[in-house]
């Protein structure tokens, strides 16, 4: 499984960005990305060996990550579980906190700073 550079660049352009900006936003160094791009396969050798032993392509051993709907449902379940444990807690606040905890701290800080700059408190 190789990286599909033309597809990656096209996806970046679709979102109004370029590869360098997208790498920076994702926290991936250019060196790391281009190192992966030069490899014959980005799948670990052990995974390739396992797939070969089973006689299937590596992609058959992988699954897609959660869809946004599945992720929100899982968050709602987790928030409900926590709220049952702490009856006085607000489920919406718990859910919001769980969403924030999935983000990198720098992302939360940058968003808070942008929001603060937009407010005109004078």
C-alpha atoms as a PDB file:
ATOM      1  CA  UNK A   1       0.000   0.000   0.000  1.00  0.00           C
ATOM      2  CA  UNK A   2       1.615   3.162  -1.221  1.00  0.00           C
ATOM      3  CA  UNK A   3       0.582   6.733  -0.662  1.00  0.00           C
ATOM      4  CA  UNK A   4      -1.317   8.126  -3.630  1.00  0.00           C
ATOM      5  CA  UNK A   5       0.365  11.546  -3.969  1.00  0.00           C
ATOM      6  CA  UNK A   6      -1.848  12.898  -6.781  1.00  0.00           C
ATOM      7  CA  UNK A   7      -4.962  11.949  -4.801  1.00  0.00           C
ATOM      8  CA  UNK A   8      -3.571  13.481  -1.595  1.00  0.00           C
ATOM      9  CA  UNK A   9      -2.724  16.735  -3.367  1.00  0.00           C
ATOM     10  CA  UNK A  10      -6.171  16.823  -5.009  1.00  0.00           C
ATOM     11  CA  UNK A  11      -7.851  16.319  -1.615  1.00  0.00           C
ATOM     12  CA  UNK A  12      -5.807  19.182  -0.195  1.00  0.00           C
ATOM     13  CA  UNK A  13      -6.872  21.435  -3.065  1.00  0.00           C
ATOM     14  CA  UNK A  14     -10.538  20.432  -2.628  1.00  0.00           C
ATOM     15  CA  UNK A  15     -10.424  21.784   0.907  1.00  0.00           C
ATOM     16  CA  UNK A  16      -8.767  24.997  -0.278  1.00  0.00           C
ATOM     17  CA  UNK A  17      -5.316  24.179   1.018  1.00  0.00           C
ATOM     18  CA  UNK A  18      -2.030  22.865  -0.260  1.00  0.00           C
ATOM     19  CA  UNK A  19       0.013  19.910   0.906  1.00  0.00           C
ATOM     20  CA  UNK A  20       2.394  21.952   3.080  1.00  0.00           C
ATOM     21  CA  UNK A  21      -0.462  23.697   4.926  1.00  0.00           C
ATOM     22  CA  UNK A  22      -2.328  20.429   5.434  1.00  0.00           C
ATOM     23  CA  UNK A  23       0.775  18.708   6.806  1.00  0.00           C
ATOM     24  CA  UNK A  24       1.369  21.603   9.209  1.00  0.00           C
ATOM     25  CA  UNK A  25      -2.264  21.562  10.391  1.00  0.00           C
ATOM     26  CA  UNK A  26      -2.115  17.787  10.868  1.00  0.00           C
ATOM     27  CA  UNK A  27       1.129  18.038  12.835  1.00  0.00           C
ATOM     28  CA  UNK A  28       3.005  15.858  10.328  1.00  0.00           C
ATOM     29  CA  UNK A  29       6.488  16.937   9.311  1.00  0.00           C
ATOM     30  CA  UNK A  30       7.344  17.201   5.626  1.00  0.00           C
ATOM     31  CA  UNK A  31      10.278  14.854   6.227  1.00  0.00           C
ATOM     32  CA  UNK A  32       8.016  12.193   7.743  1.00  0.00           C
ATOM     33  CA  UNK A  33       5.469  12.544   4.942  1.00  0.00           C
ATOM     34  CA  UNK A  34       7.988  12.337   2.115  1.00  0.00           C
ATOM     35  CA  UNK A  35       9.713   9.445   3.852  1.00  0.00           C
ATOM     36  CA  UNK A  36       6.385   7.575   3.771  1.00  0.00           C
ATOM     37  CA  UNK A  37       5.785   8.637   0.165  1.00  0.00           C
ATOM     38  CA  UNK A  38       9.107   7.111  -0.950  1.00  0.00           C
ATOM     39  CA  UNK A  39       8.377   3.736   0.641  1.00  0.00           C
ATOM     40  CA  UNK A  40       7.131   0.818  -1.415  1.00  0.00           C
ATOM     41  CA  UNK A  41       4.510   0.325   1.273  1.00  0.00           C
ATOM     42  CA  UNK A  42       3.389   2.318   4.304  1.00  0.00           C
ATOM     43  CA  UNK A  43       1.962  -0.796   5.927  1.00  0.00           C
ATOM     44  CA  UNK A  44       4.218  -2.334   8.596  1.00  0.00           C
ATOM     45  CA  UNK A  45       6.200  -5.332   7.377  1.00  0.00           C
ATOM     46  CA  UNK A  46       4.617  -7.522  10.045  1.00  0.00           C
ATOM     47  CA  UNK A  47       1.151  -6.663   8.722  1.00  0.00           C
ATOM     48  CA  UNK A  48       2.256  -7.439   5.165  1.00  0.00           C
ATOM     49  CA  UNK A  49       3.696 -10.778   6.295  1.00  0.00           C
ATOM     50  CA  UNK A  50       0.500 -11.620   8.163  1.00  0.00           C
ATOM     51  CA  UNK A  51      -1.656 -10.744   5.139  1.00  0.00           C
ATOM     52  CA  UNK A  52       0.598 -12.784   2.869  1.00  0.00           C
ATOM     53  CA  UNK A  53       0.310 -15.785   5.200  1.00  0.00           C
ATOM     54  CA  UNK A  54      -3.478 -15.471   5.063  1.00  0.00           C
ATOM     55  CA  UNK A  55      -3.399 -15.010   1.287  1.00  0.00           C
ATOM     56  CA  UNK A  56      -5.249 -11.692   1.362  1.00  0.00           C
ATOM     57  CA  UNK A  57      -4.291  -8.093   0.582  1.00  0.00           C
ATOM     58  CA  UNK A  58      -3.352  -5.886   3.544  1.00  0.00           C
ATOM     59  CA  UNK A  59      -6.456  -3.788   2.909  1.00  0.00           C
ATOM     60  CA  UNK A  60      -8.610  -6.820   3.831  1.00  0.00           C
ATOM     61  CA  UNK A  61      -7.152  -6.728   7.348  1.00  0.00           C
ATOM     62  CA  UNK A  62      -7.934  -3.063   7.918  1.00  0.00           C
ATOM     63  CA  UNK A  63     -11.174  -1.292   8.670  1.00  0.00           C
ATOM     64  CA  UNK A  64     -12.227   2.286   8.267  1.00  0.00           C
ATOM     65  CA  UNK A  65     -12.273   4.485  11.313  1.00  0.00           C
ATOM     66  CA  UNK A  66     -15.569   5.534  12.802  1.00  0.00           C
ATOM     67  CA  UNK A  67     -17.857   7.687  10.731  1.00  0.00           C
ATOM     68  CA  UNK A  68     -18.816  11.023  12.310  1.00  0.00           C
ATOM     69  CA  UNK A  69     -22.282   9.633  13.091  1.00  0.00           C
ATOM     70  CA  UNK A  70     -20.796   6.569  14.784  1.00  0.00           C
ATOM     71  CA  UNK A  71     -18.396   8.791  16.747  1.00  0.00           C
ATOM     72  CA  UNK A  72     -21.219  11.058  17.954  1.00  0.00           C
ATOM     73  CA  UNK A  73     -23.289   8.019  18.979  1.00  0.00           C
ATOM     74  CA  UNK A  74     -20.333   6.636  20.934  1.00  0.00           C
ATOM     75  CA  UNK A  75     -19.821  10.020  22.619  1.00  0.00           C
ATOM     76  CA  UNK A  76     -23.511  10.204  23.524  1.00  0.00           C
ATOM     77  CA  UNK A  77     -23.339   6.712  25.065  1.00  0.00           C
ATOM     78  CA  UNK A  78     -20.207   7.599  27.035  1.00  0.00           C
ATOM     79  CA  UNK A  79     -21.735  10.894  28.213  1.00  0.00           C
ATOM     80  CA  UNK A  80     -24.862   9.020  29.315  1.00  0.00           C
ATOM     81  CA  UNK A  81     -22.772   6.482  31.217  1.00  0.00           C
ATOM     82  CA  UNK A  82     -20.884   9.248  33.029  1.00  0.00           C
ATOM     83  CA  UNK A  83     -24.108  11.163  33.754  1.00  0.00           C
ATOM     84  CA  UNK A  84     -25.647   8.057  35.347  1.00  0.00           C
ATOM     85  CA  UNK A  85     -22.589   7.752  37.563  1.00  0.00           C
ATOM     86  CA  UNK A  86     -22.801  11.455  38.519  1.00  0.00           C
ATOM     87  CA  UNK A  87     -26.536  12.307  38.573  1.00  0.00           C
ATOM     88  CA  UNK A  88     -26.034  16.067  39.065  1.00  0.00           C
ATOM     89  CA  UNK A  89     -23.848  16.433  35.969  1.00  0.00           C
ATOM     90  CA  UNK A  90     -25.194  17.955  32.759  1.00  0.00           C
ATOM     91  CA  UNK A  91     -25.053  15.427  29.893  1.00  0.00           C
ATOM     92  CA  UNK A  92     -24.418  18.151  27.293  1.00  0.00           C
ATOM     93  CA  UNK A  93     -21.460  19.501  29.256  1.00  0.00           C
ATOM     94  CA  UNK A  94     -20.057  15.990  29.605  1.00  0.00           C
ATOM     95  CA  UNK A  95     -20.451  15.363  25.856  1.00  0.00           C
ATOM     96  CA  UNK A  96     -18.817  18.692  25.020  1.00  0.00           C
ATOM     97  CA  UNK A  97     -15.904  17.928  27.358  1.00  0.00           C
ATOM     98  CA  UNK A  98     -15.407  14.514  25.733  1.00  0.00           C
ATOM     99  CA  UNK A  99     -15.315  16.168  22.294  1.00  0.00           C
ATOM    100  CA  UNK A 100     -12.719  18.676  23.503  1.00  0.00           C
ATOM    101  CA  UNK A 101     -10.586  15.937  25.023  1.00  0.00           C
ATOM    102  CA  UNK A 102     -10.264  14.343  21.568  1.00  0.00           C
ATOM    103  CA  UNK A 103      -8.547  17.480  20.288  1.00  0.00           C
ATOM    104  CA  UNK A 104      -4.922  18.394  20.747  1.00  0.00           C
ATOM    105  CA  UNK A 105      -4.472  21.038  23.469  1.00  0.00           C
ATOM    106  CA  UNK A 106      -2.914  23.465  20.985  1.00  0.00           C
ATOM    107  CA  UNK A 107      -6.005  23.177  18.755  1.00  0.00           C
ATOM    108  CA  UNK A 108      -8.287  23.990  21.684  1.00  0.00           C
ATOM    109  CA  UNK A 109      -6.101  26.953  22.633  1.00  0.00           C
ATOM    110  CA  UNK A 110      -5.955  28.309  19.073  1.00  0.00           C
ATOM    111  CA  UNK A 111      -9.749  28.078  18.715  1.00  0.00           C
ATOM    112  CA  UNK A 112     -10.272  29.820  22.048  1.00  0.00           C
ATOM    113  CA  UNK A 113      -7.879  32.585  21.036  1.00  0.00           C
ATOM    114  CA  UNK A 114      -9.635  33.053  17.672  1.00  0.00           C
ATOM    115  CA  UNK A 115     -12.998  33.210  19.421  1.00  0.00           C
ATOM    116  CA  UNK A 116     -11.638  35.689  21.951  1.00  0.00           C
ATOM    117  CA  UNK A 117     -10.259  37.923  19.213  1.00  0.00           C
ATOM    118  CA  UNK A 118     -13.644  37.949  17.477  1.00  0.00           C
ATOM    119  CA  UNK A 119     -15.373  39.246  20.583  1.00  0.00           C
ATOM    120  CA  UNK A 120     -15.361  42.986  20.974  1.00  0.00           C
ATOM    121  CA  UNK A 121     -15.357  43.410  24.735  1.00  0.00           C
ATOM    122  CA  UNK A 122     -14.686  47.147  24.771  1.00  0.00           C
END
